[in-house]
Protein backbone atom coordinates (compact mmCIF):
# COMPACT_ATOMS: atom_id res chain seq x y z
CA MET A 1 16.38 -6.63 3.72
CA THR A 2 17.05 -3.00 3.16
CA THR A 3 15.27 -2.82 -0.24
CA ARG A 4 12.05 -4.31 1.34
CA PHE A 5 11.86 -1.32 3.86
CA VAL A 6 13.04 1.28 1.49
CA ILE A 7 10.61 0.94 -1.46
CA PRO A 8 7.47 0.83 0.48
CA THR A 9 8.64 3.68 2.64
CA ILE A 10 9.42 5.68 -0.73
CA ALA A 11 5.86 4.85 -1.94
CA VAL A 12 4.38 6.07 1.35
CA LEU A 13 6.28 9.40 1.20
CA ALA A 14 5.18 9.87 -2.41
CA CYS A 15 1.76 9.39 -1.67
CA ALA A 16 1.82 11.67 1.07
CA VAL A 17 3.61 14.38 -1.09
CA PHE A 18 1.16 13.70 -3.81
CA VAL A 19 -1.76 14.25 -1.44
CA THR A 20 -0.49 17.42 -0.02
CA ALA A 21 0.28 18.78 -3.51
CA CYS A 22 -3.22 18.16 -4.41
CA GLU A 23 -4.19 20.85 -1.96
CA VAL A 24 -6.17 18.47 0.13
CA ALA A 25 -7.41 20.65 3.05
CA SER A 26 -6.10 18.19 5.75
CA ALA A 27 -2.90 15.99 5.72
CA PRO A 28 -3.56 12.08 5.76
CA SER A 29 -4.12 10.66 9.18
CA LYS A 30 -1.76 8.42 10.89
CA ALA A 31 -4.52 5.28 9.88
CA CYS A 32 -4.34 6.35 6.22
CA ILE A 33 -0.66 6.34 6.30
CA GLU A 34 -0.31 3.03 8.01
CA ALA A 35 -2.97 1.44 5.41
CA ALA A 36 -1.18 2.81 2.57
CA ARG A 37 2.29 1.40 4.10
CA LEU A 38 0.69 -1.97 4.50
CA TYR A 39 -0.89 -2.09 1.16
CA ALA A 40 2.51 -0.96 -0.67
CA GLU A 41 4.40 -3.75 1.53
CA ALA A 42 1.93 -6.35 0.26
CA LEU A 43 2.02 -5.28 -3.31
CA ASP A 44 5.82 -5.59 -2.87
CA ALA A 45 5.75 -8.97 -1.54
CA ASP A 46 3.68 -10.25 -4.18
CA LYS A 47 5.69 -8.62 -6.85
CA SER A 48 8.70 -10.33 -5.29
CA SER A 49 7.19 -13.67 -4.87
CA PRO A 50 7.83 -16.61 -7.12
CA ASP A 51 5.77 -17.50 -9.92
CA GLY A 52 2.68 -19.75 -8.74
CA GLU A 53 2.61 -17.93 -5.71
CA LYS A 54 1.43 -14.43 -6.63
CA ALA A 55 -1.84 -13.15 -6.00
CA ALA A 56 -3.26 -13.80 -9.29
CA ASP A 57 -2.56 -17.57 -8.93
CA ASN A 58 -3.63 -17.70 -5.18
CA SER A 59 -7.02 -16.68 -4.13
CA ILE A 60 -6.10 -16.42 -0.28
CA ARG A 61 -3.49 -13.70 -1.43
CA LYS A 62 -5.82 -12.13 -3.74
CA GLN A 63 -8.32 -11.83 -0.98
CA ALA A 64 -5.88 -10.39 1.37
CA LEU A 65 -4.48 -7.87 -1.24
CA ALA A 66 -8.03 -6.79 -1.89
CA ALA A 67 -8.89 -6.44 1.91
CA LEU A 68 -5.80 -4.13 2.48
CA GLU A 69 -6.70 -2.13 -0.52
CA GLU A 70 -10.69 -1.82 0.71
CA ARG A 71 -8.99 -0.71 4.20
CA LYS A 72 -6.61 2.01 2.52
CA GLU A 73 -9.68 3.12 0.42
CA ALA A 74 -11.89 3.73 3.40
CA LEU A 75 -9.18 5.25 5.57
CA CYS A 76 -7.86 7.70 3.00
CA PRO A 77 -9.79 10.64 1.61
CA GLN A 78 -10.06 10.60 -1.98
């Protein structure tokens, strides 16, 4: 349970540090951080799912991951 929380949180913090280190004029918005967190959690859940239930094998999961990635791309500045 703790690992499922810690890994996505570290990923979000690393993303925020990376964006800040790249000298972006403004910090990421709360919506951007939330979208990145949700995407990281979905990737972690997909990684830890058993074979046959991964996004590569399941079209619904693949669509959900794609939707979360699109949301993250839309909300986070490049």
